[in-house]
Amino acid sequence: MKLHVGNLPFSVDEEELKNLFSEYNPEEVILIKNKFSGRSKGFGFVTISDDEVAKKAISDLNGKDVGGREARVSEAKPMEERPERPRRSFGGDRGDRGDRGFSRRRF
């Protein structure tokens, strides 16, 4: 079962998250980080193979104080598919000309 762990302090690193779940024998621990700064975004995911153990982890750790914040632990929900957004064109309305509106003069 995949668990969502939220409301973590930004100072928490992946090792601390592993330690928090160590007694539940997690298969995978992922802390989501900002791709530019490398700093935690305050949430992560933990995968535990045994569903009963995962449910125990939820009941034991949800609301637990982690670095001064109340951690939120719940079963992760699959991402909902979002409708594809139309691509932006930044070139304005070109109509069917396809020439970007430039005129060429022939000499």
PDB file of N, CA and C in Angstrom:
ATOM      1  N   MET A   1       0.852  -1.168   0.000  1.00  0.00           N
ATOM      2  CA  MET A   1       0.000   0.000   0.000  1.00  0.00           C
ATOM      3  C   MET A   1       0.899   1.232   0.000  1.00  0.00           C
ATOM      4  N   LYS A   2       0.515   2.202  -0.803  1.00  0.00           N
ATOM      5  CA  LYS A   2       1.284   3.438  -0.877  1.00  0.00           C
ATOM      6  C   LYS A   2       0.627   4.473   0.028  1.00  0.00           C
ATOM      7  N   LEU A   3       1.442   5.098   0.866  1.00  0.00           N
ATOM      8  CA  LEU A   3       0.944   6.092   1.813  1.00  0.00           C
ATOM      9  C   LEU A   3       1.425   7.481   1.418  1.00  0.00           C
ATOM     10  N   HIS A   4       0.563   8.462   1.627  1.00  0.00           N
ATOM     11  CA  HIS A   4       0.928   9.866   1.445  1.00  0.00           C
ATOM     12  C   HIS A   4       1.245  10.415   2.824  1.00  0.00           C
ATOM     13  N   VAL A   5       2.390  11.068   2.957  1.00  0.00           N
ATOM     14  CA  VAL A   5       2.804  11.656   4.227  1.00  0.00           C
ATOM     15  C   VAL A   5       2.940  13.153   3.998  1.00  0.00           C
ATOM     16  N   GLY A   6       2.054  13.924   4.611  1.00  0.00           N
ATOM     17  CA  GLY A   6       2.036  15.362   4.375  1.00  0.00           C
ATOM     18  C   GLY A   6       2.246  16.165   5.644  1.00  0.00           C
ATOM     19  N   ASN A   7       2.290  17.477   5.465  1.00  0.00           N
ATOM     20  CA  ASN A   7       2.481  18.452   6.536  1.00  0.00           C
ATOM     21  C   ASN A   7       3.797  18.237   7.276  1.00  0.00           C
ATOM     22  N   LEU A   8       4.807  17.806   6.525  1.00  0.00           N
ATOM     23  CA  LEU A   8       6.141  17.624   7.115  1.00  0.00           C
ATOM     24  C   LEU A   8       6.877  18.959   7.113  1.00  0.00           C
ATOM     25  N   PRO A   9       7.749  19.183   8.089  1.00  0.00           N
ATOM     26  CA  PRO A   9       8.560  20.401   8.047  1.00  0.00           C
ATOM     27  C   PRO A   9       9.504  20.349   6.837  1.00  0.00           C
ATOM     28  N   PHE A  10       9.796  21.501   6.286  1.00  0.00           N
ATOM     29  CA  PHE A  10      10.659  21.554   5.106  1.00  0.00           C
ATOM     30  C   PHE A  10      12.080  21.115   5.415  1.00  0.00           C
ATOM     31  N   SER A  11      12.431  21.061   6.688  1.00  0.00           N
ATOM     32  CA  SER A  11      13.778  20.652   7.085  1.00  0.00           C
ATOM     33  C   SER A  11      13.956  19.133   7.089  1.00  0.00           C
ATOM     34  N   VAL A  12      12.866  18.366   7.005  1.00  0.00           N
ATOM     35  CA  VAL A  12      12.958  16.900   7.041  1.00  0.00           C
ATOM     36  C   VAL A  12      13.640  16.399   5.778  1.00  0.00           C
ATOM     37  N   ASP A  13      14.558  15.443   5.950  1.00  0.00           N
ATOM     38  CA  ASP A  13      15.187  14.828   4.782  1.00  0.00           C
ATOM     39  C   ASP A  13      14.695  13.384   4.648  1.00  0.00           C
ATOM     40  N   GLU A  14      15.092  12.732   3.556  1.00  0.00           N
ATOM     41  CA  GLU A  14      14.626  11.380   3.276  1.00  0.00           C
ATOM     42  C   GLU A  14      15.028  10.386   4.370  1.00  0.00           C
ATOM     43  N   GLU A  15      16.189  10.576   4.941  1.00  0.00           N
ATOM     44  CA  GLU A  15      16.670   9.682   6.011  1.00  0.00           C
ATOM     45  C   GLU A  15      15.754   9.766   7.233  1.00  0.00           C
ATOM     46  N   GLU A  16      15.347  10.977   7.596  1.00  0.00           N
ATOM     47  CA  GLU A  16      14.437  11.144   8.741  1.00  0.00           C
ATOM     48  C   GLU A  16      13.086  10.495   8.469  1.00  0.00           C
ATOM     49  N   LEU A  17      12.620  10.594   7.229  1.00  0.00           N
ATOM     50  CA  LEU A  17      11.351   9.968   6.867  1.00  0.00           C
ATOM     51  C   LEU A  17      11.473   8.445   6.937  1.00  0.00           C
ATOM     52  N   LYS A  18      12.606   7.906   6.482  1.00  0.00           N
ATOM     53  CA  LYS A  18      12.854   6.462   6.598  1.00  0.00           C
ATOM     54  C   LYS A  18      12.845   6.029   8.056  1.00  0.00           C
ATOM     55  N   ASN A  19      13.498   6.815   8.917  1.00  0.00           N
ATOM     56  CA  ASN A  19      13.555   6.497  10.348  1.00  0.00           C
ATOM     57  C   ASN A  19      12.164   6.520  10.981  1.00  0.00           C
ATOM     58  N   LEU A  20      11.327   7.458  10.550  1.00  0.00           N
ATOM     59  CA  LEU A  20       9.977   7.563  11.081  1.00  0.00           C
ATOM     60  C   LEU A  20       9.165   6.291  10.809  1.00  0.00           C
ATOM     61  N   PHE A  21       9.379   5.686   9.630  1.00  0.00           N
ATOM     62  CA  PHE A  21       8.625   4.503   9.227  1.00  0.00           C
ATOM     63  C   PHE A  21       9.410   3.205   9.398  1.00  0.00           C
ATOM     64  N   SER A  22      10.574   3.241  10.009  1.00  0.00           N
ATOM     65  CA  SER A  22      11.455   2.070  10.064  1.00  0.00           C
ATOM     66  C   SER A  22      10.803   0.834  10.685  1.00  0.00           C
ATOM     67  N   GLU A  23       9.991   0.997  11.712  1.00  0.00           N
ATOM     68  CA  GLU A  23       9.393  -0.180  12.365  1.00  0.00           C
ATOM     69  C   GLU A  23       8.284  -0.819  11.529  1.00  0.00           C
ATOM     70  N   TYR A  24       7.886  -0.170  10.416  1.00  0.00           N
ATOM     71  CA  TYR A  24       6.830  -0.716   9.555  1.00  0.00           C
ATOM     72  C   TYR A  24       7.400  -1.364   8.298  1.00  0.00           C
ATOM     73  N   ASN A  25       8.715  -1.477   8.241  1.00  0.00           N
ATOM     74  CA  ASN A  25       9.416  -2.136   7.148  1.00  0.00           C
ATOM     75  C   ASN A  25       9.015  -1.601   5.762  1.00  0.00           C
ATOM     76  N   PRO A  26       9.285  -0.326   5.507  1.00  0.00           N
ATOM     77  CA  PRO A  26       8.891   0.245   4.212  1.00  0.00           C
ATOM     78  C   PRO A  26       9.745  -0.290   3.067  1.00  0.00           C
ATOM     79  N   GLU A  27       9.106  -0.517   1.926  1.00  0.00           N
ATOM     80  CA  GLU A  27       9.838  -0.941   0.721  1.00  0.00           C
ATOM     81  C   GLU A  27      10.499   0.255   0.055  1.00  0.00           C
ATOM     82  N   GLU A  28       9.766   1.374   0.063  1.00  0.00           N
ATOM     83  CA  GLU A  28      10.259   2.559  -0.640  1.00  0.00           C
ATOM     84  C   GLU A  28       9.835   3.804   0.121  1.00  0.00           C
ATOM     85  N   VAL A  29      10.750   4.764   0.223  1.00  0.00           N
ATOM     86  CA  VAL A  29      10.464   6.042   0.875  1.00  0.00           C
ATOM     87  C   VAL A  29      10.935   7.136  -0.079  1.00  0.00           C
ATOM     88  N   ILE A  30       9.998   8.014  -0.445  1.00  0.00           N
ATOM     89  CA  ILE A  30      10.331   9.092  -1.374  1.00  0.00           C
ATOM     90  C   ILE A  30       9.886  10.416  -0.773  1.00  0.00           C
ATOM     91  N   LEU A  31      10.799  11.345  -0.635  1.00  0.00           N
ATOM     92  CA  LEU A  31      10.495  12.689  -0.178  1.00  0.00           C
ATOM     93  C   LEU A  31      10.483  13.581  -1.415  1.00  0.00           C
ATOM     94  N   ILE A  32       9.412  14.302  -1.624  1.00  0.00           N
ATOM     95  CA  ILE A  32       9.297  15.169  -2.799  1.00  0.00           C
ATOM     96  C   ILE A  32      10.042  16.468  -2.524  1.00  0.00           C
ATOM     97  N   LYS A  33      10.925  16.818  -3.464  1.00  0.00           N
ATOM     98  CA  LYS A  33      11.773  17.997  -3.287  1.00  0.00           C
ATOM     99  C   LYS A  33      11.582  18.981  -4.429  1.00  0.00           C
ATOM    100  N   ASN A  34      11.876  20.227  -4.153  1.00  0.00           N
ATOM    101  CA  ASN A  34      11.870  21.264  -5.171  1.00  0.00           C
ATOM    102  C   ASN A  34      13.026  20.978  -6.125  1.00  0.00           C
ATOM    103  N   LYS A  35      12.731  20.946  -7.416  1.00  0.00           N
ATOM    104  CA  LYS A  35      13.781  20.546  -8.363  1.00  0.00           C
ATOM    105  C   LYS A  35      14.885  21.579  -8.516  1.00  0.00           C
ATOM    106  N   PHE A  36      14.635  22.815  -8.112  1.00  0.00           N
ATOM    107  CA  PHE A  36      15.662  23.835  -8.243  1.00  0.00           C
ATOM    108  C   PHE A  36      16.498  23.973  -6.971  1.00  0.00           C
ATOM    109  N   SER A  37      15.840  24.025  -5.823  1.00  0.00           N
ATOM    110  CA  SER A  37      16.566  24.239  -4.576  1.00  0.00           C
ATOM    111  C   SER A  37      16.961  22.933  -3.890  1.00  0.00           C
ATOM    112  N   GLY A  38      16.277  21.821  -4.211  1.00  0.00           N
ATOM    113  CA  GLY A  38      16.552  20.549  -3.555  1.00  0.00           C
ATOM    114  C   GLY A  38      15.927  20.441  -2.173  1.00  0.00           C
ATOM    115  N   ARG A  39      15.201  21.483  -1.784  1.00  0.00           N
ATOM    116  CA  ARG A  39      14.558  21.520  -0.465  1.00  0.00           C
ATOM    117  C   ARG A  39      13.244  20.739  -0.498  1.00  0.00           C
ATOM    118  N   SER A  40      12.898  20.122   0.621  1.00  0.00           N
ATOM    119  CA  SER A  40      11.664  19.358   0.728  1.00  0.00           C
ATOM    120  C   SER A  40      10.451  20.234   0.452  1.00  0.00           C
ATOM    121  N   LYS A  41       9.443  19.646  -0.194  1.00  0.00           N
ATOM    122  CA  LYS A  41       8.180  20.352  -0.410  1.00  0.00           C
ATOM    123  C   LYS A  41       7.199  20.093   0.728  1.00  0.00           C
ATOM    124  N   GLY A  42       7.621  19.308   1.728  1.00  0.00           N
ATOM    125  CA  GLY A  42       6.783  19.081   2.893  1.00  0.00           C
ATOM    126  C   GLY A  42       5.889  17.857   2.797  1.00  0.00           C
ATOM    127  N   PHE A  43       6.128  17.011   1.791  1.00  0.00           N
ATOM    128  CA  PHE A  43       5.362  15.768   1.706  1.00  0.00           C
ATOM    129  C   PHE A  43       6.171  14.709   0.990  1.00  0.00           C
ATOM    130  N   GLY A  44       5.708  13.464   1.148  1.00  0.00           N
ATOM    131  CA  GLY A  44       6.389  12.354   0.501  1.00  0.00           C
ATOM    132  C   GLY A  44       5.482  11.143   0.435  1.00  0.00           C
ATOM    133  N   PHE A  45       6.033  10.043  -0.033  1.00  0.00           N
ATOM    134  CA  PHE A  45       5.285   8.800  -0.185  1.00  0.00           C
ATOM    135  C   PHE A  45       6.095   7.652   0.397  1.00  0.00           C
ATOM    136  N   VAL A  46       5.391   6.734   1.049  1.00  0.00           N
ATOM    137  CA  VAL A  46       6.021   5.549   1.631  1.00  0.00           C
ATOM    138  C   VAL A  46       5.226   4.342   1.156  1.00  0.00           C
ATOM    139  N   THR A  47       5.922   3.333   0.627  1.00  0.00           N
ATOM    140  CA  THR A  47       5.264   2.108   0.181  1.00  0.00           C
ATOM    141  C   THR A  47       5.561   1.004   1.178  1.00  0.00           C
ATOM    142  N   ILE A  48       4.486   0.372   1.670  1.00  0.00           N
ATOM    143  CA  ILE A  48       4.590  -0.745   2.613  1.00  0.00           C
ATOM    144  C   ILE A  48       3.837  -1.915   1.993  1.00  0.00           C
ATOM    145  N   SER A  49       4.502  -3.062   1.838  1.00  0.00           N
ATOM    146  CA  SER A  49       3.912  -4.187   1.113  1.00  0.00           C
ATOM    147  C   SER A  49       2.730  -4.822   1.841  1.00  0.00           C
ATOM    148  N   ASP A  50       2.772  -4.904   3.153  1.00  0.00           N
ATOM    149  CA  ASP A  50       1.699  -5.529   3.934  1.00  0.00           C
ATOM    150  C   ASP A  50       0.638  -4.480   4.272  1.00  0.00           C
ATOM    151  N   ASP A  51      -0.577  -4.661   3.744  1.00  0.00           N
ATOM    152  CA  ASP A  51      -1.651  -3.686   3.943  1.00  0.00           C
ATOM    153  C   ASP A  51      -2.014  -3.497   5.418  1.00  0.00           C
ATOM    154  N   GLU A  52      -1.975  -4.559   6.193  1.00  0.00           N
ATOM    155  CA  GLU A  52      -2.303  -4.443   7.623  1.00  0.00           C
ATOM    156  C   GLU A  52      -1.258  -3.596   8.343  1.00  0.00           C
ATOM    157  N   VAL A  53      -0.009  -3.805   8.014  1.00  0.00           N
ATOM    158  CA  VAL A  53       1.075  -3.013   8.615  1.00  0.00           C
ATOM    159  C   VAL A  53       0.943  -1.555   8.181  1.00  0.00           C
ATOM    160  N   ALA A  54       0.577  -1.335   6.919  1.00  0.00           N
ATOM    161  CA  ALA A  54       0.398   0.028   6.414  1.00  0.00           C
ATOM    162  C   ALA A  54      -0.729   0.729   7.169  1.00  0.00           C
ATOM    163  N   LYS A  55      -1.825   0.021   7.415  1.00  0.00           N
ATOM    164  CA  LYS A  55      -2.945   0.610   8.164  1.00  0.00           C
ATOM    165  C   LYS A  55      -2.529   0.948   9.603  1.00  0.00           C
ATOM    166  N   LYS A  56      -1.686   0.097  10.176  1.00  0.00           N
ATOM    167  CA  LYS A  56      -1.177   0.370  11.528  1.00  0.00           C
ATOM    168  C   LYS A  56      -0.293   1.615  11.512  1.00  0.00           C
ATOM    169  N   ALA A  57       0.518   1.752  10.472  1.00  0.00           N
ATOM    170  CA  ALA A  57       1.371   2.939  10.349  1.00  0.00           C
ATOM    171  C   ALA A  57       0.509   4.198  10.256  1.00  0.00           C
ATOM    172  N   ILE A  58      -0.582   4.118   9.501  1.00  0.00           N
ATOM    173  CA  ILE A  58      -1.481   5.276   9.386  1.00  0.00           C
ATOM    174  C   ILE A  58      -2.040   5.634  10.761  1.00  0.00           C
ATOM    175  N   SER A  59      -2.561   4.630  11.478  1.00  0.00           N
ATOM    176  CA  SER A  59      -3.173   4.927  12.785  1.00  0.00           C
ATOM    177  C   SER A  59      -2.136   5.397  13.808  1.00  0.00           C
ATOM    178  N   ASP A  60      -0.922   4.868  13.740  1.00  0.00           N
ATOM    179  CA  ASP A  60       0.116   5.252  14.708  1.00  0.00           C
ATOM    180  C   ASP A  60       0.721   6.631  14.412  1.00  0.00           C
ATOM    181  N   LEU A  61       0.912   6.946  13.140  1.00  0.00           N
ATOM    182  CA  LEU A  61       1.694   8.130  12.789  1.00  0.00           C
ATOM    183  C   LEU A  61       0.867   9.343  12.369  1.00  0.00           C
ATOM    184  N   ASN A  62      -0.391   9.148  11.993  1.00  0.00           N
ATOM    185  CA  ASN A  62      -1.209  10.299  11.605  1.00  0.00           C
ATOM    186  C   ASN A  62      -1.426  11.188  12.830  1.00  0.00           C
ATOM    187  N   GLY A  63      -1.032  12.445  12.707  1.00  0.00           N
ATOM    188  CA  GLY A  63      -1.156  13.388  13.820  1.00  0.00           C
ATOM    189  C   GLY A  63       0.063  13.451  14.719  1.00  0.00           C
ATOM    190  N   LYS A  64       1.053  12.603  14.453  1.00  0.00           N
ATOM    191  CA  LYS A  64       2.274  12.592  15.273  1.00  0.00           C
ATOM    192  C   LYS A  64       3.084  13.866  15.015  1.00  0.00           C
ATOM    193  N   ASP A  65       3.689  14.379  16.088  1.00  0.00           N
ATOM    194  CA  ASP A  65       4.526  15.568  15.965  1.00  0.00           C
ATOM    195  C   ASP A  65       5.844  15.198  15.292  1.00  0.00           C
ATOM    196  N   VAL A  66       6.112  15.849  14.177  1.00  0.00           N
ATOM    197  CA  VAL A  66       7.368  15.655  13.451  1.00  0.00           C
ATOM    198  C   VAL A  66       7.979  17.036  13.251  1.00  0.00           C
ATOM    199  N   GLY A  67       9.020  17.319  13.988  1.00  0.00           N
ATOM    200  CA  GLY A  67       9.698  18.609  13.857  1.00  0.00           C
ATOM    201  C   GLY A  67       8.807  19.798  14.140  1.00  0.00           C
ATOM    202  N   GLY A  68       7.866  19.641  15.074  1.00  0.00           N
ATOM    203  CA  GLY A  68       6.990  20.752  15.431  1.00  0.00           C
ATOM    204  C   GLY A  68       5.727  20.857  14.589  1.00  0.00           C
ATOM    205  N   ARG A  69       5.530  19.916  13.672  1.00  0.00           N
ATOM    206  CA  ARG A  69       4.316  19.923  12.837  1.00  0.00           C
ATOM    207  C   ARG A  69       3.587  18.597  12.994  1.00  0.00           C
ATOM    208  N   GLU A  70       2.277  18.635  12.835  1.00  0.00           N
ATOM    209  CA  GLU A  70       1.450  17.437  12.952  1.00  0.00           C
ATOM    210  C   GLU A  70       1.401  16.727  11.603  1.00  0.00           C
ATOM    211  N   ALA A  71       2.103  15.618  11.491  1.00  0.00           N
ATOM    212  CA  ALA A  71       2.170  14.872  10.224  1.00  0.00           C
ATOM    213  C   ALA A  71       0.795  14.331   9.850  1.00  0.00           C
ATOM    214  N   ARG A  72       0.512  14.312   8.580  1.00  0.00           N
ATOM    215  CA  ARG A  72      -0.725  13.746   8.039  1.00  0.00           C
ATOM    216  C   ARG A  72      -0.354  12.510   7.225  1.00  0.00           C
ATOM    217  N   VAL A  73      -0.812  11.347   7.672  1.00  0.00           N
ATOM    218  CA  VAL A  73      -0.496  10.093   6.986  1.00  0.00           C
ATOM    219  C   VAL A  73      -1.808   9.466   6.548  1.00  0.00           C
ATOM    220  N   SER A  74      -1.914   9.169   5.260  1.00  0.00           N
ATOM    221  CA  SER A  74      -3.131   8.556   4.726  1.00  0.00           C
ATOM    222  C   SER A  74      -2.771   7.691   3.522  1.00  0.00           C
ATOM    223  N   GLU A  75      -3.734   6.874   3.099  1.00  0.00           N
ATOM    224  CA  GLU A  75      -3.516   6.070   1.903  1.00  0.00           C
ATOM    225  C   GLU A  75      -3.446   7.008   0.703  1.00  0.00           C
ATOM    226  N   ALA A  76      -2.435   6.803  -0.124  1.00  0.00           N
ATOM    227  CA  ALA A  76      -2.266   7.662  -1.301  1.00  0.00           C
ATOM    228  C   ALA A  76      -3.347   7.347  -2.326  1.00  0.00           C
ATOM    229  N   LYS A  77      -3.878   8.393  -2.915  1.00  0.00           N
ATOM    230  CA  LYS A  77      -4.879   8.244  -3.968  1.00  0.00           C
ATOM    231  C   LYS A  77      -4.188   8.408  -5.313  1.00  0.00           C
ATOM    232  N   PRO A  78      -4.582   7.621  -6.312  1.00  0.00           N
ATOM    233  CA  PRO A  78      -3.970   7.805  -7.628  1.00  0.00           C
ATOM    234  C   PRO A  78      -4.318   9.180  -8.188  1.00  0.00           C
ATOM    235  N   MET A  79      -3.383   9.741  -8.936  1.00  0.00           N
ATOM    236  CA  MET A  79      -3.630  11.047  -9.536  1.00  0.00           C
ATOM    237  C   MET A  79      -4.782  10.952 -10.524  1.00  0.00           C
ATOM    238  N   GLU A  80      -5.662  11.942 -10.476  1.00  0.00           N
ATOM    239  CA  GLU A  80      -6.752  11.987 -11.442  1.00  0.00           C
ATOM    240  C   GLU A  80      -6.207  12.547 -12.743  1.00  0.00           C
ATOM    241  N   GLU A  81      -6.713  11.999 -13.830  1.00  0.00           N
ATOM    242  CA  GLU A  81      -6.271  12.518 -15.117  1.00  0.00           C
ATOM    243  C   GLU A  81      -6.882  13.885 -15.341  1.00  0.00           C
ATOM    244  N   ARG A  82      -6.041  14.796 -15.750  1.00  0.00           N
ATOM    245  CA  ARG A  82      -6.514  16.144 -16.035  1.00  0.00           C
ATOM    246  C   ARG A  82      -6.680  16.280 -17.538  1.00  0.00           C
ATOM    247  N   PRO A  83      -7.660  17.042 -17.970  1.00  0.00           N
ATOM    248  CA  PRO A  83      -7.794  17.230 -19.410  1.00  0.00           C
ATOM    249  C   PRO A  83      -6.573  17.967 -19.955  1.00  0.00           C
ATOM    250  N   GLU A  84      -6.177  17.592 -21.142  1.00  0.00           N
ATOM    251  CA  GLU A  84      -5.001  18.218 -21.742  1.00  0.00           C
ATOM    252  C   GLU A  84      -5.310  19.674 -22.047  1.00  0.00           C
ATOM    253  N   ARG A  85      -4.386  20.525 -21.661  1.00  0.00           N
ATOM    254  CA  ARG A  85      -4.571  21.952 -21.919  1.00  0.00           C
ATOM    255  C   ARG A  85      -4.122  22.256 -23.341  1.00  0.00           C
ATOM    256  N   PRO A  86      -4.800  23.191 -23.976  1.00  0.00           N
ATOM    257  CA  PRO A  86      -4.361  23.551 -25.326  1.00  0.00           C
ATOM    258  C   PRO A  86      -2.988  24.213 -25.268  1.00  0.00           C
ATOM    259  N   ARG A  87      -2.197  23.956 -26.264  1.00  0.00           N
ATOM    260  CA  ARG A  87      -0.860  24.544 -26.308  1.00  0.00           C
ATOM    261  C   ARG A  87      -0.962  26.015 -26.661  1.00  0.00           C
ATOM    262  N   ARG A  88      -0.073  26.797 -26.058  1.00  0.00           N
ATOM    263  CA  ARG A  88      -0.072  28.224 -26.342  1.00  0.00           C
ATOM    264  C   ARG A  88       0.781  28.498 -27.561  1.00  0.00           C
ATOM    265  N   SER A  89       0.391  29.502 -28.295  1.00  0.00           N
ATOM    266  CA  SER A  89       1.103  29.805 -29.519  1.00  0.00           C
ATOM    267  C   SER A  89       1.934  31.056 -29.411  1.00  0.00           C
ATOM    268  N   PHE A  90       1.879  31.948 -28.632  1.00  0.00           N
ATOM    269  CA  PHE A  90       2.715  33.142 -28.510  1.00  0.00           C
ATOM    270  C   PHE A  90       2.981  33.880 -29.818  1.00  0.00           C
ATOM    271  N   GLY A  91       2.480  33.419 -30.941  1.00  0.00           N
ATOM    272  CA  GLY A  91       2.764  34.083 -32.202  1.00  0.00           C
ATOM    273  C   GLY A  91       1.588  34.884 -32.711  1.00  0.00           C
ATOM    274  N   GLY A  92       0.546  34.943 -31.958  1.00  0.00           N
ATOM    275  CA  GLY A  92      -0.622  35.675 -32.405  1.00  0.00           C
ATOM    276  C   GLY A  92      -1.389  34.867 -33.440  1.00  0.00           C
ATOM    277  N   ASP A  93      -2.437  35.468 -33.949  1.00  0.00           N
ATOM    278  CA  ASP A  93      -3.279  34.784 -34.925  1.00  0.00           C
ATOM    279  C   ASP A  93      -2.627  34.882 -36.302  1.00  0.00           C
ATOM    280  N   ARG A  94      -2.214  33.771 -36.820  1.00  0.00           N
ATOM    281  CA  ARG A  94      -1.546  33.749 -38.116  1.00  0.00           C
ATOM    282  C   ARG A  94      -2.506  33.392 -39.227  1.00  0.00           C
ATOM    283  N   GLY A  95      -3.682  32.968 -38.862  1.00  0.00           N
ATOM    284  CA  GLY A  95      -4.611  32.543 -39.890  1.00  0.00           C
ATOM    285  C   GLY A  95      -4.039  31.337 -40.609  1.00  0.00           C
ATOM    286  N   ASP A  96      -4.283  31.235 -41.880  1.00  0.00           N
ATOM    287  CA  ASP A  96      -3.760  30.114 -42.654  1.00  0.00           C
ATOM    288  C   ASP A  96      -2.519  30.489 -43.445  1.00  0.00           C
ATOM    289  N   ARG A  97      -1.991  31.677 -43.201  1.00  0.00           N
ATOM    290  CA  ARG A  97      -0.841  32.122 -43.983  1.00  0.00           C
ATOM    291  C   ARG A  97       0.408  31.322 -43.653  1.00  0.00           C
ATOM    292  N   GLY A  98       0.647  31.090 -42.397  1.00  0.00           N
ATOM    293  CA  GLY A  98       1.815  30.319 -42.004  1.00  0.00           C
ATOM    294  C   GLY A  98       3.120  31.050 -42.208  1.00  0.00           C
ATOM    295  N   ASP A  99       3.070  32.328 -42.600  1.00  0.00           N
ATOM    296  CA  ASP A  99       4.306  33.064 -42.851  1.00  0.00           C
ATOM    297  C   ASP A  99       4.629  34.066 -41.756  1.00  0.00           C
ATOM    298  N   ARG A 100       3.989  33.946 -40.658  1.00  0.00           N
ATOM    299  CA  ARG A 100       4.198  34.806 -39.494  1.00  0.00           C
ATOM    300  C   ARG A 100       3.886  36.267 -39.777  1.00  0.00           C
ATOM    301  N   GLY A 101       3.218  36.542 -40.862  1.00  0.00           N
ATOM    302  CA  GLY A 101       2.814  37.904 -41.138  1.00  0.00           C
ATOM    303  C   GLY A 101       3.894  38.762 -41.762  1.00  0.00           C
ATOM    304  N   PHE A 102       5.045  38.198 -42.045  1.00  0.00           N
ATOM    305  CA  PHE A 102       6.106  38.980 -42.675  1.00  0.00           C
ATOM    306  C   PHE A 102       5.880  38.989 -44.183  1.00  0.00           C
ATOM    307  N   SER A 103       6.136  40.123 -44.767  1.00  0.00           N
ATOM    308  CA  SER A 103       6.032  40.159 -46.235  1.00  0.00           C
ATOM    309  C   SER A 103       7.443  40.220 -46.797  1.00  0.00           C
ATOM    310  N   ARG A 104       7.620  39.535 -47.858  1.00  0.00           N
ATOM    311  CA  ARG A 104       8.931  39.548 -48.515  1.00  0.00           C
ATOM    312  C   ARG A 104       8.798  40.323 -49.826  1.00  0.00           C
ATOM    313  N   ARG A 105       9.738  41.157 -50.025  1.00  0.00           N
ATOM    314  CA  ARG A 105       9.756  41.870 -51.294  1.00  0.00           C
ATOM    315  C   ARG A 105      10.786  41.233 -52.196  1.00  0.00           C
ATOM    316  N   ARG A 106      10.415  41.137 -53.403  1.00  0.00           N
ATOM    317  CA  ARG A 106      11.387  40.629 -54.375  1.00  0.00           C
ATOM    318  C   ARG A 106      11.967  41.798 -55.144  1.00  0.00           C
ATOM    319  N   PHE A 107      13.239  41.786 -55.314  1.00  0.00           N
ATOM    320  CA  PHE A 107      13.909  42.887 -56.015  1.00  0.00           C
ATOM    321  C   PHE A 107      14.190  42.516 -57.431  1.00  0.00           C
TER     322      PHE A 107
END
